[in-house]
Every structure is written in C-alpha cells, then in structure tokens.
Amino acid sequence: MYLVGRSCRITTNRGVHRLSDSNIVALDTPDRNDPLQEVLREGARRLLKQAVEAELAELLQAHRSLTTDDGKPAVVRNGYLPVRTIQTGLGDVDVQIPKVRDRSGSKIKFNSKLVPPYLKRTKSLEEFLPWLYLRGISSGDFSEALQHLLGPQAPGLSAGTISRLKQGWEADYKDWQQRDLSKKRFVYIWADGVYSQVRMDDRLCLLVIIGSDECGRKELLALSDGYRESAASWEDVLRDLERRGLKTAPKLAVGDGALGFWKALAKVWPETNQQRCWVHKTANVLEKLPKAMQPKVKQALHEVWQAETREAAYKAFDTCIERFEAKYPKAMTCLAKDKSEMLAFYDYPAEHWQHIRTTNPIESVFATVRLRTTKTKNCGSRDTTLAMAFKLMQTAQRRWRRLRGYKLLADVITGVKFVNGVKQSGDRQRDAA
C-alpha cells in the first residue's frame, strides 16, 4: 500500500513514519517487507546455510574411513531436499537441507541438528526459554539472548516478564506433580534417565516416564530428579504414581539397560513385562567396537530387531554373536545380555512395534539439550531446572501422535495373545496346539 501527501507524522505499531510532498512511502503489508528486513533475512539465510554445511562436513569427516570396493568414499553428498520455509522473528526464511548417499549399506543419513526435520518455526517464547536454560544460558541472560535472536521488539524480553514466567512454570510443575491419576490407565510406559551435563550435578539426572493410555495417547507421567538412576530413586518415582491413584500396572515397560529402573519395577509392578531399548543397546554394543567394524555390526543388529518373527530374530541374534564373538568378545557379551527382554515386543501387536522397541518418545524431546557437553559455571537451582524440563516436555506433548493401531490396545489389556505381532484367534490357537 502506498501513501502520497504533505509532510506529516503517522504512528503505527512499527513506530513513527514521516511523509513529505516528495516522498512515496511503502507501508508493510503481509506480502511486502521493508528493505532492512530483507537484508536481515538474506543474512539469516546465508548464516543458516553455512551452519548446516558445517554440520554436513562434520558428518562426512566422521565417516571418511568408510569406502566402497574401489576405494572411493562411501558416504557422499547427494543433492538437496526440497526448499522449506521456517517462520522466524524476521519473517519467513527459506532453507534447503543437503542429502547424503551411503554406499556402504549402513543407512547413514544426514539430519541437521540446527534445523531438524520437524522444525517449521522458531520456538515460541514458552518453548524457547526452557530450551535456552537447559542448553546452559543463564536465566539472567535470556533478555539479551532473545534480543539477538528475535530483535529488540520481540515480546517477553523484560526481566520481570521472564521472572513471572519462571514462577508460573514452577507452580505449574508442582501442581502437575500432585495431579490425581486414579481415573487413568496406561498400557505401555517408557522410562529413561536424562543426564543434562549443563544444568545438573554429575551424580544427578532427570528421571522421566511417558505412558500410553488405552486410547493410544502418550502422556508425560513422571519427571523427577534422582541419584544416578538408582533403584531407590526409581522406586520413589513409581511409588509416587501409585500414591496418586495409578493402581493398575502397565502391560509393558520400555527402557535401557540401567539396572536401577528394572529393580524398582520388579518391586512395584512385578507383573509388567520388560522391553529393552534397541537404540541404547545398539549404542552400547558399538562403543565397544573399532569404528571400522561398527557399520557391519550395526547392520547385523538391524537384521535382529527387524526380523518378522521371533524365531528369525533369534537366528539373526545367534549368527551375529557367532560372527563377531571371537574378535570382539566384550561387544558380544553386551549384546547377549538381556536377550529375551530385547525381543519382548514380538508378544505385542506388530502395529505397535515401532513404538515399543525404543525409548524414542523421551529421547527425541531431550536430543538437542544433550548435544552440549561443556558445563556452565552456574548449574542453576533444582526447582528451576525441573520446571524448565517440565515445560519442555509439556510443549513437546502437544505434538505427540497417537499410537499406530491404537484400537488393538483393548486386546492387549484383556490379555489376548499375540504371536509375532499377529493376534491369535481360537482357530489359530488350536492349529498351533
């Protein structure tokens, strides 16, 4: 839109503009931005591209030892994904993420940590502040950080506003901890200990439990701090859920190999079946191997948990151990541990396997927080850290999708038998007999 006229002052929500007889001033509309904003956006595009290219270069460097049979690099660039638009404080910014091609068969992919696949807009203030805090930025520096990221006119920059938000989040967390669970039932639970090296003491971690109810909706069940994932700390968390009305034990619990949780689960809910997380197990096995061997062993592990039947999985399991045990006994000992618990998912609907083989619902929320490894001098208060982690989880919960095949949860609850992910009818049971 254009205005032409004599010199005058016009006050808008963007400030004061002066018009003169000789000036034609273009006012901002949704499809027209001022030149300064366009310069800033272009600068943001370039910086973002450089940062993503640096991430890609780091990935290619990490896998430079992988080669094809003719000695060429196995992991190479392979064009770009389609252009995406991300909403920012400067307006829409276009970004194009590069792709890689893995010719070693290891299924190596490039996912930018700066611009993850699901990112459509920069984090709102409600989500962004907890993320900044858990990444190591002091709450006293929030205003300055947000001014640099969103501009001086961004909302919520005053210290008073930020303080009120923090107080409100701490109150929300305390209320949430006391909520009644007597009318709820959870079929599956995922448990994990999250070590935030920035905001917590080395001996402390966040104890997190997410549950799926009988309708397949995922919900944050517990968030507390504990001492190195000890059995006593986990038992306190589970007992607290019982005290608030959660009387029916879940059918299946998914977690890593940390003994503390499983000892506590056996005491509180002994009837709950156990499934070890394949992501954790794979990482634990690979770290005991030389880098050159990791792709081969990783592929062998994929053949185990991707097998269509338990029998095929056991065969792939045994084959993997036979192939690598002689040279890498520590890695194979780690793999052999908890063998039956690694394959418990075969007793549940195949539609649910992608959900119950790993603790990904928890891992994905804290992935960006875990990237940082350098401690800050001021670790912050316990209450603030827990409140910020709670707000981060609560915001993520709004995006969680219902379980695939959630209608089959009714069969799981009533004890219907599943063999290799397939529901067993009366005829099938008689045939099996």
Protein backbone atom coordinates (compact mmCIF):
# COMPACT_ATOMS: atom_id res chain seq x y z
CA MET A 1 0.00 0.00 0.00
CA TYR A 2 1.30 3.50 -0.81
CA LEU A 3 0.52 6.89 0.77
CA VAL A 4 1.27 10.20 -1.01
CA GLY A 5 0.82 13.62 0.61
CA ARG A 6 2.24 16.51 2.53
CA SER A 7 4.71 16.19 5.36
CA CYS A 8 3.06 14.65 8.39
CA ARG A 9 3.62 12.11 11.18
CA ILE A 10 1.91 8.75 11.16
CA THR A 11 2.22 6.49 14.19
CA THR A 12 1.83 2.77 13.64
CA ASN A 13 2.64 -0.30 15.68
CA ARG A 14 6.02 -0.30 13.92
CA GLY A 15 6.95 3.23 15.02
CA VAL A 16 6.78 6.74 13.59
CA HIS A 17 6.96 7.36 9.83
CA ARG A 18 7.32 10.76 8.12
CA LEU A 19 5.76 11.58 4.78
CA SER A 20 6.62 14.60 2.67
CA ASP A 21 5.38 16.08 -0.57
CA SER A 22 8.20 14.46 -2.45
CA ASN A 23 8.11 11.06 -0.75
CA ILE A 24 6.20 7.94 -1.63
CA VAL A 25 6.39 5.55 1.30
CA ALA A 26 5.56 1.86 1.03
CA LEU A 27 3.89 0.62 4.19
CA ASP A 28 4.44 -3.02 5.16
CA THR A 29 1.81 -5.45 4.12
CA PRO A 30 1.86 -9.25 4.58
CA ASP A 31 3.37 -9.67 1.09
CA ARG A 32 5.78 -6.71 1.12
CA ASN A 33 8.60 -6.16 3.64
CA ASP A 34 10.92 -3.21 4.16
CA PRO A 35 14.44 -3.35 2.65
CA LEU A 36 16.18 -3.67 6.04
CA GLN A 37 14.16 -6.76 6.93
CA GLU A 38 15.00 -8.29 3.57
CA VAL A 39 18.73 -7.66 4.16
CA LEU A 40 18.50 -9.25 7.60
CA ARG A 41 16.57 -12.22 6.22
CA GLU A 42 19.15 -12.71 3.50
CA GLY A 43 21.88 -12.63 6.12
CA ALA A 44 19.98 -15.21 8.16
CA ARG A 45 19.66 -17.45 5.09
CA ARG A 46 23.39 -17.30 4.44
CA LEU A 47 24.36 -17.92 8.06
CA LEU A 48 21.93 -20.81 8.29
CA LYS A 49 23.28 -22.33 5.09
CA GLN A 50 26.86 -22.04 6.34
CA ALA A 51 25.95 -23.64 9.66
CA VAL A 52 24.15 -26.57 8.00
CA GLU A 53 27.04 -27.06 5.56
CA ALA A 54 29.40 -27.19 8.54
CA GLU A 55 27.24 -29.89 10.12
CA LEU A 56 27.35 -31.87 6.87
CA ALA A 57 31.14 -31.51 6.60
CA GLU A 58 31.45 -32.87 10.14
CA LEU A 59 29.33 -35.91 9.23
CA LEU A 60 31.35 -36.62 6.08
CA GLN A 61 34.59 -36.28 8.03
CA ALA A 62 33.34 -38.67 10.72
CA HIS A 63 32.65 -41.36 8.11
CA ARG A 64 35.63 -40.73 5.83
CA SER A 65 37.04 -44.18 6.73
CA LEU A 66 34.09 -45.89 5.02
CA THR A 67 34.93 -46.69 1.42
CA THR A 68 33.49 -48.68 -1.47
CA ASP A 69 35.20 -51.70 -3.01
CA ASP A 70 37.05 -49.45 -5.45
CA GLY A 71 38.38 -47.22 -2.68
CA LYS A 72 36.02 -44.29 -3.17
CA PRO A 73 34.23 -42.59 -0.23
CA ALA A 74 31.08 -44.50 0.70
CA VAL A 75 29.26 -41.51 2.21
CA VAL A 76 28.97 -38.64 -0.27
CA ARG A 77 26.78 -35.62 -0.94
CA ASN A 78 23.62 -36.32 -2.93
CA GLY A 79 21.83 -33.09 -3.74
CA TYR A 80 19.30 -31.30 -1.56
CA LEU A 81 15.89 -31.80 -0.04
CA PRO A 82 13.10 -29.52 -1.28
CA VAL A 83 13.19 -25.94 -0.01
CA ARG A 84 11.49 -25.44 3.36
CA THR A 85 10.20 -22.24 4.88
CA ILE A 86 10.80 -21.58 8.57
CA GLN A 87 8.91 -18.86 10.38
CA THR A 88 11.22 -16.59 12.39
CA GLY A 89 11.15 -13.24 14.12
CA LEU A 90 12.47 -11.77 10.84
CA GLY A 91 9.69 -13.33 8.80
CA ASP A 92 9.84 -16.44 6.64
CA VAL A 93 13.33 -17.75 5.93
CA ASP A 94 13.90 -20.36 3.21
CA VAL A 95 16.28 -23.20 3.95
CA GLN A 96 17.43 -26.18 1.89
CA ILE A 97 18.98 -29.15 3.68
CA PRO A 98 21.60 -31.23 1.82
CA LYS A 99 21.33 -35.02 1.50
CA VAL A 100 23.96 -37.74 1.59
CA ARG A 101 24.20 -41.09 -0.15
CA ASP A 102 25.57 -44.05 1.78
CA ARG A 103 27.02 -46.71 -0.50
CA SER A 104 28.26 -48.87 2.39
CA GLY A 105 24.81 -50.18 3.28
CA SER A 106 24.98 -48.67 6.78
CA LYS A 107 21.95 -46.44 6.14
CA ILE A 108 23.79 -43.31 7.25
CA LYS A 109 21.64 -40.21 6.85
CA PHE A 110 22.18 -36.52 7.42
CA ASN A 111 19.77 -34.81 9.80
CA SER A 112 20.67 -31.25 10.75
CA LYS A 113 20.55 -30.67 14.50
CA LEU A 114 20.18 -26.96 13.89
CA VAL A 115 17.21 -27.43 11.54
CA PRO A 116 15.67 -30.80 12.45
CA PRO A 117 13.14 -32.37 10.04
CA TYR A 118 10.10 -31.37 12.09
CA LEU A 119 11.05 -27.70 12.61
CA LYS A 120 8.54 -25.37 10.98
CA ARG A 121 9.09 -22.24 13.05
CA THR A 122 11.50 -20.92 15.62
CA LYS A 123 10.49 -21.90 19.09
CA SER A 124 7.88 -19.74 20.75
CA LEU A 125 8.91 -17.96 23.92
CA GLU A 126 7.14 -20.57 26.03
CA GLU A 127 9.18 -23.36 24.45
CA PHE A 128 12.34 -21.42 23.70
CA LEU A 129 13.19 -20.26 27.23
CA PRO A 130 13.34 -23.78 28.74
CA TRP A 131 15.44 -24.88 25.77
CA LEU A 132 17.89 -21.99 26.31
CA TYR A 133 18.10 -22.73 30.02
CA LEU A 134 18.77 -26.44 29.62
CA ARG A 135 21.37 -25.63 26.96
CA GLY A 136 23.32 -23.63 29.54
CA ILE A 137 22.21 -19.99 29.17
CA SER A 138 21.57 -18.31 32.50
CA SER A 139 18.04 -17.07 33.02
CA GLY A 140 19.55 -13.65 33.70
CA ASP A 141 20.88 -13.61 30.13
CA PHE A 142 17.54 -14.53 28.50
CA SER A 143 16.69 -10.94 27.56
CA GLU A 144 19.97 -10.36 25.77
CA ALA A 145 19.80 -13.73 24.01
CA LEU A 146 16.26 -13.12 22.79
CA GLN A 147 17.10 -9.62 21.58
CA HIS A 148 19.87 -11.03 19.42
CA LEU A 149 17.68 -13.84 18.12
CA LEU A 150 14.29 -12.18 17.74
CA GLY A 151 15.04 -8.47 17.69
CA PRO A 152 14.55 -5.79 20.36
CA GLN A 153 10.82 -5.53 19.65
CA ALA A 154 10.17 -9.21 20.39
CA PRO A 155 7.61 -9.80 23.15
CA GLY A 156 8.52 -11.05 26.59
CA LEU A 157 12.01 -9.57 26.80
CA SER A 158 11.82 -7.79 30.14
CA ALA A 159 13.41 -9.39 33.19
CA GLY A 160 10.12 -9.04 35.06
CA THR A 161 8.19 -10.92 32.37
CA ILE A 162 10.74 -13.72 32.32
CA SER A 163 10.72 -13.95 36.12
CA ARG A 164 6.93 -14.21 36.18
CA LEU A 165 7.03 -16.92 33.52
CA LYS A 166 9.55 -18.94 35.54
CA GLN A 167 7.48 -18.61 38.71
CA GLY A 168 4.37 -19.67 36.84
CA TRP A 169 6.13 -22.71 35.38
CA GLU A 170 7.44 -23.77 38.78
CA ALA A 171 3.90 -23.53 40.17
CA ASP A 172 2.54 -25.49 37.20
CA TYR A 173 5.13 -28.21 37.78
CA LYS A 174 4.25 -28.54 41.48
CA ASP A 175 0.53 -28.74 40.68
CA TRP A 176 1.21 -31.32 37.98
CA GLN A 177 3.16 -33.45 40.47
CA GLN A 178 0.07 -33.64 42.69
CA ARG A 179 -2.49 -34.45 39.99
CA ASP A 180 -4.91 -37.34 40.52
CA LEU A 181 -4.22 -40.47 38.44
CA SER A 182 -6.98 -42.70 39.81
CA LYS A 183 -9.07 -42.49 36.62
CA LYS A 184 -6.19 -43.23 34.28
CA ARG A 185 -4.74 -46.42 32.92
CA PHE A 186 -1.55 -46.81 30.93
CA VAL A 187 -0.81 -49.83 28.80
CA TYR A 188 2.79 -49.04 27.84
CA ILE A 189 5.35 -46.89 29.63
CA TRP A 190 8.75 -45.61 28.50
CA ALA A 191 11.37 -44.78 31.13
CA ASP A 192 14.76 -43.13 30.81
CA GLY A 193 17.29 -41.17 32.82
CA VAL A 194 18.33 -37.92 31.13
CA TYR A 195 21.71 -36.52 32.09
CA SER A 196 21.81 -32.80 31.39
CA GLN A 197 25.51 -32.12 31.80
CA VAL A 198 24.88 -28.41 31.69
CA ARG A 199 22.27 -27.95 34.36
CA MET A 200 22.71 -30.75 36.86
CA ASP A 201 25.37 -32.24 39.08
CA ASP A 202 27.28 -35.23 37.66
CA ARG A 203 25.52 -37.57 40.09
CA LEU A 204 22.02 -36.35 39.34
CA CYS A 205 19.77 -36.96 36.36
CA LEU A 206 16.20 -36.37 35.29
CA LEU A 207 14.02 -39.46 35.71
CA VAL A 208 11.35 -39.40 33.01
CA ILE A 209 8.36 -41.69 32.39
CA ILE A 210 5.93 -41.37 29.49
CA GLY A 211 2.81 -43.53 29.30
CA SER A 212 0.36 -44.54 26.58
CA ASP A 213 -3.24 -44.82 27.74
CA GLU A 214 -5.83 -47.31 26.46
CA CYS A 215 -6.66 -44.95 23.58
CA GLY A 216 -3.06 -44.70 22.39
CA ARG A 217 -2.46 -41.15 23.61
CA LYS A 218 1.01 -40.53 25.04
CA GLU A 219 1.31 -38.50 28.21
CA LEU A 220 4.12 -37.38 30.49
CA LEU A 221 3.67 -39.40 33.67
CA ALA A 222 6.66 -38.58 35.83
CA LEU A 223 9.54 -36.14 35.85
CA SER A 224 11.83 -36.01 38.84
CA ASP A 225 15.50 -35.89 39.72
CA GLY A 226 17.37 -38.91 41.00
CA TYR A 227 20.79 -40.11 42.04
CA ARG A 228 22.47 -41.81 39.06
CA GLU A 229 19.28 -43.72 38.13
CA SER A 230 19.50 -45.71 41.35
CA ALA A 231 16.86 -48.32 42.21
CA ALA A 232 15.82 -46.26 45.24
CA SER A 233 15.29 -43.14 43.12
CA TRP A 234 13.23 -45.02 40.54
CA GLU A 235 11.20 -46.76 43.24
CA ASP A 236 10.32 -43.37 44.73
CA VAL A 237 9.01 -42.27 41.33
CA LEU A 238 6.91 -45.41 40.82
CA ARG A 239 5.56 -45.37 44.39
CA ASP A 240 4.54 -41.76 43.93
CA LEU A 241 2.49 -42.75 40.86
CA GLU A 242 0.79 -45.41 42.98
CA ARG A 243 0.07 -42.96 45.79
CA ARG A 244 -1.69 -40.67 43.33
CA GLY A 245 -4.04 -43.42 42.17
CA LEU A 246 -2.24 -45.34 39.42
CA LYS A 247 -3.12 -48.80 40.72
CA THR A 248 -3.16 -50.91 37.53
CA ALA A 249 0.30 -51.94 36.38
CA PRO A 250 1.19 -51.28 32.73
CA LYS A 251 1.45 -54.29 30.45
CA LEU A 252 4.90 -53.39 29.13
CA ALA A 253 7.73 -51.10 30.21
CA VAL A 254 10.38 -49.93 27.76
CA GLY A 255 13.78 -48.72 28.95
CA ASP A 256 17.53 -49.03 28.59
CA GLY A 257 19.75 -51.49 30.42
CA ALA A 258 20.13 -49.41 33.59
CA LEU A 259 19.51 -51.86 36.42
CA GLY A 260 18.00 -49.31 38.79
CA PHE A 261 14.72 -48.94 36.91
CA TRP A 262 14.23 -52.68 36.39
CA LYS A 263 14.89 -53.47 40.06
CA ALA A 264 12.36 -50.84 41.09
CA LEU A 265 9.82 -52.08 38.52
CA ALA A 266 10.14 -55.66 39.81
CA LYS A 267 9.27 -54.45 43.31
CA VAL A 268 6.42 -52.11 42.44
CA TRP A 269 4.89 -53.75 39.34
CA PRO A 270 6.31 -57.29 39.11
CA GLU A 271 3.66 -58.34 36.57
CA THR A 272 4.81 -55.77 33.99
CA ASN A 273 6.76 -57.22 31.06
CA GLN A 274 10.10 -55.70 30.10
CA GLN A 275 11.42 -54.48 26.76
CA ARG A 276 14.96 -53.16 26.43
CA CYS A 277 15.52 -50.19 24.15
CA TRP A 278 17.25 -51.17 20.92
CA VAL A 279 18.73 -47.72 20.38
CA HIS A 280 20.52 -47.87 23.74
CA LYS A 281 21.59 -51.47 23.20
CA THR A 282 22.97 -50.72 19.74
CA ALA A 283 24.94 -47.74 21.07
CA ASN A 284 26.33 -49.80 23.96
CA VAL A 285 27.46 -52.57 21.61
CA LEU A 286 29.00 -50.25 19.01
CA GLU A 287 31.05 -48.28 21.53
CA LYS A 288 32.96 -51.49 22.30
CA LEU A 289 33.99 -51.91 18.66
CA PRO A 290 36.56 -50.21 16.44
CA LYS A 291 34.96 -47.66 14.11
CA ALA A 292 35.77 -49.68 11.02
CA MET A 293 33.63 -52.57 12.31
CA GLN A 294 30.69 -50.58 13.56
CA PRO A 295 28.74 -50.42 10.25
CA LYS A 296 28.89 -54.20 9.78
CA VAL A 297 27.80 -54.98 13.33
CA LYS A 298 25.10 -52.31 13.20
CA GLN A 299 23.66 -53.92 10.07
CA ALA A 300 23.72 -57.31 11.80
CA LEU A 301 21.81 -55.84 14.75
CA HIS A 302 19.23 -54.34 12.40
CA GLU A 303 18.61 -57.81 10.99
CA VAL A 304 17.75 -58.96 14.52
CA TRP A 305 15.14 -56.42 15.53
CA GLN A 306 13.74 -56.01 12.01
CA ALA A 307 13.08 -59.74 11.64
CA GLU A 308 9.43 -60.59 11.04
CA THR A 309 9.30 -63.39 13.62
CA ARG A 310 10.90 -64.13 16.96
CA GLU A 311 12.40 -67.30 15.51
CA ALA A 312 14.12 -65.33 12.72
CA ALA A 313 15.28 -62.77 15.25
CA TYR A 314 16.85 -65.44 17.46
CA LYS A 315 18.60 -66.91 14.43
CA ALA A 316 19.97 -63.49 13.42
CA PHE A 317 20.93 -62.87 17.04
CA ASP A 318 22.93 -66.09 17.26
CA THR A 319 24.51 -65.51 13.84
CA CYS A 320 25.71 -62.06 14.89
CA ILE A 321 27.35 -63.43 18.03
CA GLU A 322 29.00 -66.29 16.11
CA ARG A 323 30.41 -63.88 13.51
CA PHE A 324 31.97 -61.37 15.88
CA GLU A 325 32.45 -63.04 19.27
CA ALA A 326 35.99 -64.30 18.65
CA LYS A 327 37.41 -60.87 17.85
CA TYR A 328 35.07 -58.66 19.87
CA PRO A 329 34.01 -60.61 22.98
CA LYS A 330 33.10 -57.55 25.08
CA ALA A 331 30.70 -56.24 22.45
CA MET A 332 29.03 -59.62 22.01
CA THR A 333 28.76 -60.14 25.78
CA CYS A 334 26.95 -56.81 25.95
CA LEU A 335 24.63 -57.94 23.16
CA ALA A 336 23.87 -61.33 24.71
CA LYS A 337 22.78 -59.68 27.96
CA ASP A 338 19.00 -59.32 28.30
CA LYS A 339 18.40 -61.38 25.17
CA SER A 340 14.79 -62.29 25.90
CA GLU A 341 13.95 -58.76 27.07
CA MET A 342 15.31 -57.38 23.81
CA LEU A 343 12.71 -59.35 21.87
CA ALA A 344 9.66 -58.99 24.12
CA PHE A 345 7.94 -56.79 21.51
CA TYR A 346 7.08 -59.91 19.45
CA ASP A 347 4.32 -60.67 22.00
CA TYR A 348 2.53 -57.43 21.14
CA PRO A 349 0.71 -56.16 18.02
CA ALA A 350 3.03 -55.63 15.05
CA GLU A 351 1.43 -52.20 14.59
CA HIS A 352 2.96 -51.19 17.93
CA TRP A 353 6.48 -52.45 17.32
CA GLN A 354 7.84 -49.17 16.03
CA HIS A 355 6.70 -47.53 19.28
CA ILE A 356 7.81 -50.11 21.84
CA ARG A 357 11.24 -51.15 20.59
CA THR A 358 12.90 -47.93 21.77
CA THR A 359 12.56 -45.07 24.25
CA ASN A 360 12.40 -42.60 21.36
CA PRO A 361 9.45 -40.62 22.82
CA ILE A 362 11.81 -39.43 25.57
CA GLU A 363 15.00 -39.30 23.52
CA SER A 364 13.53 -37.03 20.86
CA VAL A 365 12.46 -34.36 23.36
CA PHE A 366 15.86 -34.01 25.01
CA ALA A 367 18.03 -34.64 21.94
CA THR A 368 19.05 -31.01 21.43
CA VAL A 369 19.66 -30.49 25.16
CA ARG A 370 22.05 -33.44 25.27
CA LEU A 371 24.19 -32.02 22.46
CA ARG A 372 26.08 -29.72 24.80
CA THR A 373 28.91 -31.30 26.81
CA THR A 374 30.58 -28.28 28.43
CA LYS A 375 29.33 -27.37 31.87
CA THR A 376 28.32 -23.87 32.80
CA LYS A 377 29.71 -22.35 35.96
CA ASN A 378 26.26 -21.89 37.48
CA CYS A 379 24.18 -25.04 37.28
CA GLY A 380 21.03 -23.31 38.44
CA SER A 381 18.52 -24.29 41.06
CA ARG A 382 16.91 -27.72 41.25
CA ASP A 383 13.37 -26.29 41.14
CA THR A 384 14.07 -24.13 38.09
CA THR A 385 15.77 -26.95 36.21
CA LEU A 386 12.86 -29.32 36.85
CA ALA A 387 10.29 -26.66 35.92
CA MET A 388 12.11 -25.87 32.69
CA ALA A 389 12.39 -29.56 31.77
CA PHE A 390 8.70 -29.99 32.56
CA LYS A 391 7.76 -27.09 30.30
CA LEU A 392 9.91 -28.52 27.52
CA MET A 393 8.16 -31.90 27.85
CA GLN A 394 4.73 -30.32 28.14
CA THR A 395 5.23 -28.35 24.95
CA ALA A 396 6.50 -31.44 23.12
CA GLN A 397 3.49 -33.43 24.35
CA ARG A 398 1.17 -31.29 22.24
CA ARG A 399 2.86 -32.70 19.13
CA TRP A 400 2.90 -36.35 20.16
CA ARG A 401 0.90 -38.58 17.88
CA ARG A 402 -1.40 -41.36 18.91
CA LEU A 403 -0.03 -44.89 18.69
CA ARG A 404 -0.42 -46.60 15.37
CA GLY A 405 -3.02 -49.39 15.68
CA TYR A 406 -4.26 -47.98 18.98
CA LYS A 407 -7.52 -49.96 18.75
CA LEU A 408 -5.51 -53.12 19.41
CA LEU A 409 -4.66 -51.83 22.89
CA ALA A 410 -8.02 -53.16 24.06
CA ASP A 411 -6.85 -56.68 23.15
CA VAL A 412 -3.55 -56.11 24.97
CA ILE A 413 -5.44 -55.03 28.09
CA THR A 414 -7.74 -58.07 28.07
CA GLY A 415 -4.82 -60.47 27.62
CA VAL A 416 -5.40 -61.56 24.03
CA LYS A 417 -2.36 -63.48 22.84
CA PHE A 418 -0.18 -62.15 20.05
CA VAL A 419 2.43 -64.32 18.35
CA ASN A 420 5.00 -62.50 16.24
CA GLY A 421 2.73 -59.47 16.29
CA VAL A 422 -0.33 -61.34 15.00
CA LYS A 423 -3.50 -61.67 17.06
CA GLN A 424 -4.31 -65.31 17.77
CA SER A 425 -7.91 -66.38 17.20
CA GLY A 426 -9.37 -69.60 18.54
CA ASP A 427 -8.68 -71.44 15.29
CA ARG A 428 -5.08 -70.32 15.19
CA GLN A 429 -4.52 -71.37 18.77
CA ARG A 430 -5.93 -74.84 18.04
CA ASP A 431 -3.73 -75.09 14.91
CA ALA A 432 -0.68 -74.10 16.93
CA ALA A 433 -1.51 -76.77 19.50
